[in-house]
Amino acid sequence: MGKREEAAWIARQVEFVETAIEPDFQNRFAAAMALPHSTDKFPHIQHLLDAIPKR
């Protein structure tokens, strides 16, 4: 299969998803962004946080 045929085949496999109608899209999108500490509280470093002086 040539690259043009491959590109045409891939284009036919694409499925459009209207994210605006998905009620939990924003939550799922944010959860999938791999931001550190966004879901895991990392309790093994709590002692470091506790050592920070309070204002």
PDB file of N, CA and C in Angstrom:
ATOM      1  N   MET A   1       0.852  -1.177   0.000  1.00  0.00           N
ATOM      2  CA  MET A   1       0.000   0.000   0.000  1.00  0.00           C
ATOM      3  C   MET A   1       0.900   1.243   0.000  1.00  0.00           C
ATOM      4  N   GLY A   2       0.623   2.163  -0.921  1.00  0.00           N
ATOM      5  CA  GLY A   2       1.380   3.410  -0.971  1.00  0.00           C
ATOM      6  C   GLY A   2       0.933   4.361   0.132  1.00  0.00           C
ATOM      7  N   LYS A   3       1.711   5.392   0.336  1.00  0.00           N
ATOM      8  CA  LYS A   3       1.414   6.349   1.413  1.00  0.00           C
ATOM      9  C   LYS A   3       0.100   7.085   1.181  1.00  0.00           C
ATOM     10  N   ARG A   4      -0.236   7.388  -0.070  1.00  0.00           N
ATOM     11  CA  ARG A   4      -1.516   8.059  -0.337  1.00  0.00           C
ATOM     12  C   ARG A   4      -2.684   7.147   0.007  1.00  0.00           C
ATOM     13  N   GLU A   5      -2.573   5.889  -0.369  1.00  0.00           N
ATOM     14  CA  GLU A   5      -3.623   4.930  -0.043  1.00  0.00           C
ATOM     15  C   GLU A   5      -3.723   4.737   1.470  1.00  0.00           C
ATOM     16  N   GLU A   6      -2.578   4.681   2.118  1.00  0.00           N
ATOM     17  CA  GLU A   6      -2.568   4.540   3.578  1.00  0.00           C
ATOM     18  C   GLU A   6      -3.230   5.747   4.243  1.00  0.00           C
ATOM     19  N   ALA A   7      -2.921   6.941   3.775  1.00  0.00           N
ATOM     20  CA  ALA A   7      -3.519   8.154   4.327  1.00  0.00           C
ATOM     21  C   ALA A   7      -5.024   8.165   4.094  1.00  0.00           C
ATOM     22  N   ALA A   8      -5.456   7.745   2.919  1.00  0.00           N
ATOM     23  CA  ALA A   8      -6.897   7.690   2.624  1.00  0.00           C
ATOM     24  C   ALA A   8      -7.590   6.675   3.527  1.00  0.00           C
ATOM     25  N   TRP A   9      -6.953   5.530   3.762  1.00  0.00           N
ATOM     26  CA  TRP A   9      -7.533   4.508   4.641  1.00  0.00           C
ATOM     27  C   TRP A   9      -7.659   5.042   6.064  1.00  0.00           C
ATOM     28  N   ILE A  10      -6.605   5.688   6.546  1.00  0.00           N
ATOM     29  CA  ILE A  10      -6.629   6.258   7.898  1.00  0.00           C
ATOM     30  C   ILE A  10      -7.723   7.315   8.000  1.00  0.00           C
ATOM     31  N   ALA A  11      -7.856   8.157   6.988  1.00  0.00           N
ATOM     32  CA  ALA A  11      -8.883   9.204   7.004  1.00  0.00           C
ATOM     33  C   ALA A  11     -10.281   8.604   7.092  1.00  0.00           C
ATOM     34  N   ARG A  12     -10.492   7.460   6.471  1.00  0.00           N
ATOM     35  CA  ARG A  12     -11.815   6.818   6.534  1.00  0.00           C
ATOM     36  C   ARG A  12     -12.085   6.213   7.909  1.00  0.00           C
ATOM     37  N   GLN A  13     -11.044   5.994   8.714  1.00  0.00           N
ATOM     38  CA  GLN A  13     -11.211   5.388  10.044  1.00  0.00           C
ATOM     39  C   GLN A  13     -11.516   6.426  11.124  1.00  0.00           C
ATOM     40  N   VAL A  14     -11.339   7.698  10.805  1.00  0.00           N
ATOM     41  CA  VAL A  14     -11.531   8.763  11.785  1.00  0.00           C
ATOM     42  C   VAL A  14     -12.999   8.853  12.182  1.00  0.00           C
ATOM     43  N   GLU A  15     -13.229   8.992  13.472  1.00  0.00           N
ATOM     44  CA  GLU A  15     -14.592   9.153  13.986  1.00  0.00           C
ATOM     45  C   GLU A  15     -14.679  10.494  14.702  1.00  0.00           C
ATOM     46  N   PHE A  16     -15.628  11.304  14.301  1.00  0.00           N
ATOM     47  CA  PHE A  16     -15.836  12.617  14.920  1.00  0.00           C
ATOM     48  C   PHE A  16     -16.597  12.444  16.223  1.00  0.00           C
ATOM     49  N   VAL A  17     -16.108  13.081  17.266  1.00  0.00           N
ATOM     50  CA  VAL A  17     -16.775  13.057  18.561  1.00  0.00           C
ATOM     51  C   VAL A  17     -17.016  14.501  18.977  1.00  0.00           C
ATOM     52  N   GLU A  18     -18.256  14.857  19.175  1.00  0.00           N
ATOM     53  CA  GLU A  18     -18.606  16.214  19.599  1.00  0.00           C
ATOM     54  C   GLU A  18     -18.413  16.301  21.103  1.00  0.00           C
ATOM     55  N   THR A  19     -17.288  16.873  21.529  1.00  0.00           N
ATOM     56  CA  THR A  19     -16.962  16.914  22.960  1.00  0.00           C
ATOM     57  C   THR A  19     -17.861  17.875  23.736  1.00  0.00           C
ATOM     58  N   ALA A  20     -18.438  18.854  23.058  1.00  0.00           N
ATOM     59  CA  ALA A  20     -19.271  19.837  23.759  1.00  0.00           C
ATOM     60  C   ALA A  20     -20.526  19.213  24.363  1.00  0.00           C
ATOM     61  N   ILE A  21     -20.969  18.081  23.836  1.00  0.00           N
ATOM     62  CA  ILE A  21     -22.186  17.457  24.369  1.00  0.00           C
ATOM     63  C   ILE A  21     -21.883  16.392  25.416  1.00  0.00           C
ATOM     64  N   GLU A  22     -20.614  16.120  25.645  1.00  0.00           N
ATOM     65  CA  GLU A  22     -20.227  15.145  26.665  1.00  0.00           C
ATOM     66  C   GLU A  22     -20.155  15.848  28.015  1.00  0.00           C
ATOM     67  N   PRO A  23     -21.029  15.503  28.963  1.00  0.00           N
ATOM     68  CA  PRO A  23     -21.076  16.245  30.234  1.00  0.00           C
ATOM     69  C   PRO A  23     -19.799  16.174  31.062  1.00  0.00           C
ATOM     70  N   ASP A  24     -19.047  15.102  30.958  1.00  0.00           N
ATOM     71  CA  ASP A  24     -17.848  14.980  31.789  1.00  0.00           C
ATOM     72  C   ASP A  24     -16.562  15.125  30.982  1.00  0.00           C
ATOM     73  N   PHE A  25     -16.637  15.714  29.785  1.00  0.00           N
ATOM     74  CA  PHE A  25     -15.450  15.834  28.939  1.00  0.00           C
ATOM     75  C   PHE A  25     -14.339  16.609  29.627  1.00  0.00           C
ATOM     76  N   GLN A  26     -14.650  17.754  30.210  1.00  0.00           N
ATOM     77  CA  GLN A  26     -13.601  18.574  30.830  1.00  0.00           C
ATOM     78  C   GLN A  26     -12.878  17.810  31.937  1.00  0.00           C
ATOM     79  N   ASN A  27     -13.625  17.073  32.749  1.00  0.00           N
ATOM     80  CA  ASN A  27     -12.998  16.295  33.826  1.00  0.00           C
ATOM     81  C   ASN A  27     -12.106  15.195  33.254  1.00  0.00           C
ATOM     82  N   ARG A  28     -12.589  14.494  32.241  1.00  0.00           N
ATOM     83  CA  ARG A  28     -11.790  13.431  31.631  1.00  0.00           C
ATOM     84  C   ARG A  28     -10.554  14.000  30.940  1.00  0.00           C
ATOM     85  N   PHE A  29     -10.722  15.125  30.259  1.00  0.00           N
ATOM     86  CA  PHE A  29      -9.606  15.756  29.556  1.00  0.00           C
ATOM     87  C   PHE A  29      -8.520  16.171  30.551  1.00  0.00           C
ATOM     88  N   ALA A  30      -8.929  16.820  31.631  1.00  0.00           N
ATOM     89  CA  ALA A  30      -7.958  17.263  32.632  1.00  0.00           C
ATOM     90  C   ALA A  30      -7.264  16.068  33.288  1.00  0.00           C
ATOM     91  N   ALA A  31      -8.006  15.001  33.535  1.00  0.00           N
ATOM     92  CA  ALA A  31      -7.423  13.818  34.166  1.00  0.00           C
ATOM     93  C   ALA A  31      -6.413  13.129  33.255  1.00  0.00           C
ATOM     94  N   ALA A  32      -6.548  13.300  31.962  1.00  0.00           N
ATOM     95  CA  ALA A  32      -5.661  12.631  31.020  1.00  0.00           C
ATOM     96  C   ALA A  32      -4.415  13.444  30.689  1.00  0.00           C
ATOM     97  N   MET A  33      -4.266  14.619  31.271  1.00  0.00           N
ATOM     98  CA  MET A  33      -3.164  15.494  30.893  1.00  0.00           C
ATOM     99  C   MET A  33      -1.855  15.196  31.619  1.00  0.00           C
ATOM    100  N   ALA A  34      -1.827  14.261  32.500  1.00  0.00           N
ATOM    101  CA  ALA A  34      -0.611  13.843  33.193  1.00  0.00           C
ATOM    102  C   ALA A  34       0.077  14.990  33.931  1.00  0.00           C
ATOM    103  N   LEU A  35      -0.707  15.797  34.608  1.00  0.00           N
ATOM    104  CA  LEU A  35      -0.133  16.849  35.441  1.00  0.00           C
ATOM    105  C   LEU A  35       0.291  16.229  36.771  1.00  0.00           C
ATOM    106  N   PRO A  36       1.496  16.483  37.230  1.00  0.00           N
ATOM    107  CA  PRO A  36       1.932  15.874  38.487  1.00  0.00           C
ATOM    108  C   PRO A  36       1.045  16.302  39.653  1.00  0.00           C
ATOM    109  N   HIS A  37       0.765  15.377  40.507  1.00  0.00           N
ATOM    110  CA  HIS A  37       0.013  15.599  41.743  1.00  0.00           C
ATOM    111  C   HIS A  37      -1.446  16.002  41.507  1.00  0.00           C
ATOM    112  N   SER A  38      -1.977  15.780  40.317  1.00  0.00           N
ATOM    113  CA  SER A  38      -3.357  16.184  40.077  1.00  0.00           C
ATOM    114  C   SER A  38      -4.353  15.191  40.665  1.00  0.00           C
ATOM    115  N   THR A  39      -3.970  13.931  40.757  1.00  0.00           N
ATOM    116  CA  THR A  39      -4.898  12.948  41.331  1.00  0.00           C
ATOM    117  C   THR A  39      -4.301  12.204  42.513  1.00  0.00           C
ATOM    118  N   ASP A  40      -2.995  12.083  42.571  1.00  0.00           N
ATOM    119  CA  ASP A  40      -2.336  11.356  43.658  1.00  0.00           C
ATOM    120  C   ASP A  40      -1.815  12.373  44.670  1.00  0.00           C
ATOM    121  N   LYS A  41      -2.180  12.202  45.914  1.00  0.00           N
ATOM    122  CA  LYS A  41      -1.766  13.145  46.962  1.00  0.00           C
ATOM    123  C   LYS A  41      -0.333  12.908  47.431  1.00  0.00           C
ATOM    124  N   PHE A  42       0.289  11.824  47.009  1.00  0.00           N
ATOM    125  CA  PHE A  42       1.668  11.498  47.370  1.00  0.00           C
ATOM    126  C   PHE A  42       1.904  11.596  48.891  1.00  0.00           C
ATOM    127  N   PRO A  43       1.244  10.735  49.653  1.00  0.00           N
ATOM    128  CA  PRO A  43       1.369  10.811  51.114  1.00  0.00           C
ATOM    129  C   PRO A  43       2.795  10.600  51.618  1.00  0.00           C
ATOM    130  N   HIS A  44       3.641   9.975  50.818  1.00  0.00           N
ATOM    131  CA  HIS A  44       5.018   9.724  51.256  1.00  0.00           C
ATOM    132  C   HIS A  44       5.851  11.007  51.315  1.00  0.00           C
ATOM    133  N   ILE A  45       5.338  12.137  50.843  1.00  0.00           N
ATOM    134  CA  ILE A  45       6.071  13.409  50.967  1.00  0.00           C
ATOM    135  C   ILE A  45       5.376  14.379  51.920  1.00  0.00           C
ATOM    136  N   GLN A  46       4.358  13.903  52.625  1.00  0.00           N
ATOM    137  CA  GLN A  46       3.626  14.786  53.527  1.00  0.00           C
ATOM    138  C   GLN A  46       4.550  15.413  54.568  1.00  0.00           C
ATOM    139  N   HIS A  47       5.547  14.681  55.023  1.00  0.00           N
ATOM    140  CA  HIS A  47       6.476  15.227  56.017  1.00  0.00           C
ATOM    141  C   HIS A  47       7.224  16.446  55.463  1.00  0.00           C
ATOM    142  N   LEU A  48       7.494  16.475  54.166  1.00  0.00           N
ATOM    143  CA  LEU A  48       8.141  17.639  53.567  1.00  0.00           C
ATOM    144  C   LEU A  48       7.195  18.841  53.555  1.00  0.00           C
ATOM    145  N   LEU A  49       5.955  18.571  53.247  1.00  0.00           N
ATOM    146  CA  LEU A  49       4.960  19.650  53.241  1.00  0.00           C
ATOM    147  C   LEU A  49       4.726  20.202  54.655  1.00  0.00           C
ATOM    148  N   ASP A  50       4.717  19.301  55.610  1.00  0.00           N
ATOM    149  CA  ASP A  50       4.503  19.714  56.999  1.00  0.00           C
ATOM    150  C   ASP A  50       5.659  20.567  57.522  1.00  0.00           C
ATOM    151  N   ALA A  51       6.849  20.409  56.942  1.00  0.00           N
ATOM    152  CA  ALA A  51       8.028  21.167  57.392  1.00  0.00           C
ATOM    153  C   ALA A  51       8.038  22.591  56.862  1.00  0.00           C
ATOM    154  N   ILE A  52       7.183  22.914  55.935  1.00  0.00           N
ATOM    155  CA  ILE A  52       7.129  24.276  55.392  1.00  0.00           C
ATOM    156  C   ILE A  52       6.491  25.187  56.447  1.00  0.00           C
ATOM    157  N   PRO A  53       7.165  26.254  56.825  1.00  0.00           N
ATOM    158  CA  PRO A  53       6.603  27.146  57.854  1.00  0.00           C
ATOM    159  C   PRO A  53       5.265  27.734  57.400  1.00  0.00           C
ATOM    160  N   LYS A  54       4.343  27.771  58.328  1.00  0.00           N
ATOM    161  CA  LYS A  54       3.028  28.350  58.075  1.00  0.00           C
ATOM    162  C   LYS A  54       3.106  29.852  58.226  1.00  0.00           C
ATOM    163  N   ARG A  55       2.351  30.569  57.441  1.00  0.00           N
ATOM    164  CA  ARG A  55       2.345  32.040  57.527  1.00  0.00           C
ATOM    165  C   ARG A  55       1.238  32.533  58.403  1.00  0.00           C
TER     166      ARG A  55
END
